[in-house]
Amino acid sequence: MKTLSTTLLLVLFLSIGDLFTSKYAYAQRQGRQYLHTILGGGYHQVNIKADGLNYVIEQFNQTRRLTGDQAMTKVEAPTGFSAFLGTYGYLGHTPFLLEFRYGNAGQTLTATERPPGQPPIDRELRFNMHNIQLGLGLMATSSEYFGIGIGIAPDIGINTINDKTGAGSTEIVNNFSVGASFILPVYALLGPIMLGVRPYYTLQLSSSDYTELNASLNPNTYQTNPADAQTSTMNHFGIEFRVGLLLSKRERR
């Protein structure tokens, strides 16, 4: 079911891109065409289904005496900031986009545990996703003040979890991942200022293992947990809102 759902989502994403391309490509050929180079940053939210990671968190919640409703929350919608440098538009007769992007999305996980006969322990974990992408694709339109593109970006990611309980910080998890993002950047120019939005879907080609986190959080029970239940592919949707500065603009007639 997960594979089928992922396939359907990708088909939908690419169909939307094809619709934009068909709609705007004809109109673009009738007018002036531009090449924009933009430097900027953004804020994004990631909707992720981290089954293996959330399995470990649920094991912690079920096997601890927690104070009140202070159970550790699941990782579902981390947020963060990004930076990018992109070129969008026409180079000769080719409507292309080239984009280098770094993004970080994170979520803080807290819980208050009351061990028998001991004072409460305020636990704090920090989950972070670091992603570097090089996007390549085509522009559906690139007018003087507006652009829409669709592309694919090879993705290199590092997912980390740090234990910040008490003083200091200890890294528990450091997972390396590779994958590909399907991107749909849209932007408008207000003079030298760019405002944009970038929906994307990232398909991970490798899994992240959270066995070490389970051993750290649940030392008395982790050995009885299935190994495959502690891994996640970390596929995710994201939407990014952007602000940028127009570095250059070239017109092609």
Protein backbone atom coordinates (compact mmCIF):
# COMPACT_ATOMS: atom_id res chain seq x y z
CA MET A 1 0.00 0.00 0.00
CA LYS A 2 2.82 2.42 0.80
CA THR A 3 4.45 1.83 -2.60
CA LEU A 4 1.13 2.30 -4.39
CA SER A 5 0.40 5.52 -2.49
CA THR A 6 3.85 6.89 -3.25
CA THR A 7 3.44 6.07 -6.94
CA LEU A 8 0.04 7.76 -7.10
CA LEU A 9 1.39 10.86 -5.37
CA LEU A 10 4.30 11.09 -7.80
CA VAL A 11 1.98 10.70 -10.79
CA LEU A 12 -0.24 13.47 -9.40
CA PHE A 13 2.75 15.75 -8.83
CA LEU A 14 4.11 15.21 -12.34
CA SER A 15 0.64 15.65 -13.85
CA ILE A 16 0.36 19.05 -12.19
CA GLY A 17 3.75 19.97 -13.63
CA ASP A 18 2.71 18.81 -17.08
CA LEU A 19 -0.45 20.90 -16.84
CA PHE A 20 1.56 24.01 -16.04
CA THR A 21 4.01 23.27 -18.84
CA SER A 22 1.27 22.76 -21.44
CA LYS A 23 -0.62 25.86 -20.36
CA TYR A 24 2.25 28.31 -20.27
CA ALA A 25 4.75 27.09 -22.86
CA TYR A 26 2.65 28.26 -25.81
CA ALA A 27 2.07 31.68 -24.26
CA GLN A 28 5.76 32.05 -23.46
CA ARG A 29 6.78 31.55 -27.07
CA GLN A 30 4.63 34.52 -28.08
CA GLY A 31 6.39 37.13 -25.92
CA ARG A 32 9.70 38.11 -24.43
CA GLN A 33 11.70 35.54 -22.54
CA TYR A 34 13.97 36.12 -19.56
CA LEU A 35 16.75 34.52 -17.55
CA HIS A 36 16.77 35.34 -13.82
CA THR A 37 19.45 34.61 -11.24
CA ILE A 38 18.14 34.76 -7.67
CA LEU A 39 19.71 34.38 -4.23
CA GLY A 40 17.41 33.86 -1.29
CA GLY A 41 16.08 31.90 1.64
CA GLY A 42 12.89 30.32 2.83
CA TYR A 43 10.85 28.78 5.60
CA HIS A 44 9.39 25.32 5.06
CA GLN A 45 7.33 22.59 6.70
CA VAL A 46 7.91 18.90 6.04
CA ASN A 47 5.09 16.37 6.33
CA ILE A 48 6.88 13.13 7.03
CA LYS A 49 5.87 9.59 7.91
CA ALA A 50 8.75 8.42 10.10
CA ASP A 51 7.43 4.98 11.08
CA GLY A 52 10.62 3.58 12.60
CA LEU A 53 11.46 6.71 14.58
CA ASN A 54 7.92 7.06 15.89
CA TYR A 55 7.87 3.36 16.84
CA VAL A 56 10.84 4.00 19.16
CA ILE A 57 9.12 7.07 20.63
CA GLU A 58 5.94 5.08 21.23
CA GLN A 59 7.93 2.36 23.01
CA PHE A 60 9.27 5.03 25.36
CA ASN A 61 5.79 6.43 26.05
CA GLN A 62 4.33 2.99 26.76
CA THR A 63 7.07 1.77 29.11
CA ARG A 64 7.62 4.89 31.27
CA ARG A 65 5.79 6.52 34.13
CA LEU A 66 5.12 9.96 32.64
CA THR A 67 3.99 13.02 34.56
CA GLY A 68 0.57 14.26 33.50
CA ASP A 69 0.19 14.32 29.73
CA GLN A 70 3.89 14.88 29.10
CA ALA A 71 4.30 12.05 26.60
CA MET A 72 6.92 12.53 23.91
CA THR A 73 5.33 13.76 20.67
CA LYS A 74 5.82 11.95 17.38
CA VAL A 75 7.85 13.37 14.51
CA GLU A 76 5.34 14.37 11.85
CA ALA A 77 5.80 18.00 10.74
CA PRO A 78 9.28 19.44 11.40
CA THR A 79 9.94 23.00 10.24
CA GLY A 80 13.00 25.03 9.41
CA PHE A 81 14.87 27.41 7.15
CA SER A 82 16.63 27.09 3.82
CA ALA A 83 18.97 28.97 1.49
CA PHE A 84 19.19 28.74 -2.30
CA LEU A 85 20.88 30.12 -5.41
CA GLY A 86 18.97 29.57 -8.63
CA THR A 87 18.94 30.42 -12.33
CA TYR A 88 15.54 30.28 -14.02
CA GLY A 89 14.58 31.04 -17.61
CA TYR A 90 15.89 30.94 -21.16
CA LEU A 91 19.48 30.32 -22.15
CA GLY A 92 19.36 30.47 -25.92
CA HIS A 93 16.29 28.47 -26.89
CA THR A 94 16.34 26.26 -23.79
CA PRO A 95 13.86 27.03 -20.96
CA PHE A 96 15.72 25.57 -17.97
CA LEU A 97 16.19 25.88 -14.22
CA LEU A 98 19.31 25.20 -12.18
CA GLU A 99 19.04 25.48 -8.41
CA PHE A 100 21.37 24.76 -5.49
CA ARG A 101 19.57 24.50 -2.14
CA TYR A 102 20.34 23.71 1.48
CA GLY A 103 17.46 23.07 3.87
CA ASN A 104 17.14 22.22 7.55
CA ALA A 105 13.95 21.07 9.29
CA GLY A 106 13.76 20.11 12.94
CA GLN A 107 11.52 19.30 15.86
CA THR A 108 12.12 19.28 19.62
CA LEU A 109 10.77 16.26 21.52
CA THR A 110 10.16 16.51 25.26
CA ALA A 111 8.74 14.32 28.02
CA THR A 112 8.69 14.32 31.82
CA GLU A 113 9.52 10.91 33.29
CA ARG A 114 9.08 9.94 36.95
CA PRO A 115 11.27 6.91 37.77
CA PRO A 116 10.20 4.95 40.90
CA GLY A 117 11.65 6.54 44.04
CA GLN A 118 13.47 9.27 42.07
CA PRO A 119 12.78 12.89 41.18
CA PRO A 120 11.22 13.63 37.76
CA ILE A 121 13.48 13.71 34.71
CA ASP A 122 12.77 16.27 31.97
CA ARG A 123 13.89 14.56 28.77
CA GLU A 124 14.62 16.54 25.64
CA LEU A 125 15.61 15.29 22.18
CA ARG A 126 16.26 17.37 19.07
CA PHE A 127 15.54 15.86 15.64
CA ASN A 128 17.06 17.56 12.58
CA MET A 129 17.00 16.89 8.84
CA HIS A 130 19.78 18.48 6.76
CA ASN A 131 19.35 18.27 2.98
CA ILE A 132 21.52 19.45 0.10
CA GLN A 133 19.95 19.44 -3.36
CA LEU A 134 20.97 20.35 -6.90
CA GLY A 135 17.81 20.91 -8.92
CA LEU A 136 17.60 20.58 -12.70
CA GLY A 137 14.50 21.05 -14.83
CA LEU A 138 12.47 23.07 -17.31
CA MET A 139 10.64 26.37 -17.08
CA ALA A 140 7.02 26.47 -18.15
CA THR A 141 7.23 30.25 -18.31
CA SER A 142 9.81 32.92 -17.57
CA SER A 143 8.40 36.39 -18.18
CA GLU A 144 9.86 39.62 -16.85
CA TYR A 145 8.04 39.36 -13.52
CA PHE A 146 6.95 35.74 -13.17
CA GLY A 147 8.26 32.19 -13.47
CA ILE A 148 7.06 28.59 -13.08
CA GLY A 149 9.32 25.56 -13.34
CA ILE A 150 9.33 21.84 -12.73
CA GLY A 151 12.36 19.67 -12.06
CA ILE A 152 14.13 16.95 -10.15
CA ALA A 153 16.85 17.41 -7.55
CA PRO A 154 19.25 14.69 -6.36
CA ASP A 155 19.14 14.86 -2.56
CA ILE A 156 21.86 14.19 0.00
CA GLY A 157 20.57 14.15 3.56
CA ILE A 158 21.80 13.76 7.12
CA ASN A 159 19.24 13.03 9.86
CA THR A 160 20.46 13.58 13.42
CA ILE A 161 19.03 13.21 16.92
CA ASN A 162 20.72 14.86 19.89
CA ASP A 163 19.92 14.13 23.52
CA LYS A 164 19.78 17.47 25.36
CA THR A 165 18.58 16.06 28.67
CA GLY A 166 20.45 17.80 31.47
CA ALA A 167 23.61 19.75 30.72
CA GLY A 168 25.26 19.55 27.32
CA SER A 169 24.20 17.68 24.21
CA THR A 170 24.98 14.13 23.04
CA GLU A 171 24.49 12.93 19.49
CA ILE A 172 22.65 9.59 19.43
CA VAL A 173 21.73 9.24 15.75
CA ASN A 174 23.53 10.35 12.59
CA ASN A 175 21.96 8.77 9.50
CA PHE A 176 23.13 9.46 5.95
CA SER A 177 20.56 9.23 3.16
CA VAL A 178 20.34 9.69 -0.60
CA GLY A 179 17.26 10.32 -2.68
CA ALA A 180 15.57 12.61 -5.19
CA SER A 181 13.17 15.53 -4.85
CA PHE A 182 10.51 16.48 -7.37
CA ILE A 183 10.21 20.28 -7.28
CA LEU A 184 7.74 22.88 -8.55
CA PRO A 185 9.21 26.38 -7.96
CA VAL A 186 6.92 29.37 -8.60
CA TYR A 187 8.02 32.98 -8.15
CA ALA A 188 6.99 36.59 -8.77
CA LEU A 189 9.30 39.61 -8.95
CA LEU A 190 8.50 42.94 -7.31
CA GLY A 191 11.39 44.99 -8.61
CA PRO A 192 14.55 43.32 -7.28
CA ILE A 193 12.61 41.32 -4.65
CA MET A 194 11.42 37.79 -5.35
CA LEU A 195 8.48 36.19 -3.54
CA GLY A 196 7.95 32.51 -4.20
CA VAL A 197 6.64 29.13 -3.17
CA ARG A 198 8.24 25.73 -3.79
CA PRO A 199 6.19 22.55 -3.22
CA TYR A 200 8.27 19.37 -3.34
CA TYR A 201 8.20 15.65 -2.68
CA THR A 202 11.36 13.82 -1.60
CA LEU A 203 11.73 10.10 -2.27
CA GLN A 204 14.50 8.52 -0.18
CA LEU A 205 16.40 5.64 -1.75
CA SER A 206 17.85 4.44 1.56
CA SER A 207 16.46 3.78 5.04
CA SER A 208 17.34 5.43 8.35
CA ASP A 209 18.00 3.14 11.32
CA TYR A 210 16.90 4.19 14.83
CA THR A 211 18.11 1.12 16.75
CA GLU A 212 20.70 3.20 18.63
CA LEU A 213 18.01 5.64 19.73
CA ASN A 214 15.90 2.72 20.95
CA ALA A 215 18.84 1.34 22.93
CA SER A 216 19.42 4.76 24.50
CA LEU A 217 15.79 5.54 25.35
CA ASN A 218 14.60 2.01 26.13
CA PRO A 219 17.59 0.00 27.42
CA ASN A 220 15.39 -2.63 29.12
CA THR A 221 13.11 -3.43 26.18
CA TYR A 222 14.87 -2.58 22.88
CA GLN A 223 16.32 -6.09 22.39
CA THR A 224 12.83 -7.55 22.14
CA ASN A 225 11.69 -5.12 19.42
CA PRO A 226 11.73 -6.20 15.75
CA ALA A 227 14.68 -4.73 13.86
CA ASP A 228 12.64 -3.75 10.79
CA ALA A 229 10.19 -1.79 12.97
CA GLN A 230 13.01 0.60 13.89
CA THR A 231 13.81 1.80 10.35
CA SER A 232 12.22 4.57 8.28
CA THR A 233 12.52 5.60 4.64
CA MET A 234 11.70 9.21 5.65
CA ASN A 235 9.88 10.06 2.40
CA HIS A 236 8.17 13.41 2.75
CA PHE A 237 6.19 16.25 1.22
CA GLY A 238 7.26 19.81 1.84
CA ILE A 239 6.17 23.32 1.02
CA GLU A 240 8.59 26.23 1.18
CA PHE A 241 7.84 29.95 1.20
CA ARG A 242 10.67 32.05 -0.24
CA VAL A 243 12.08 35.56 -0.33
CA GLY A 244 14.99 36.39 -2.61
CA LEU A 245 17.08 39.06 -4.25
CA LEU A 246 17.33 39.33 -8.03
CA LEU A 247 21.04 39.24 -8.88
CA SER A 248 20.68 39.48 -12.65
CA LYS A 249 18.06 39.56 -15.42
CA ARG A 250 18.70 38.85 -19.09
CA GLU A 251 16.12 39.25 -21.85
CA ARG A 252 15.89 37.04 -24.92
CA ARG A 253 13.68 38.29 -27.76
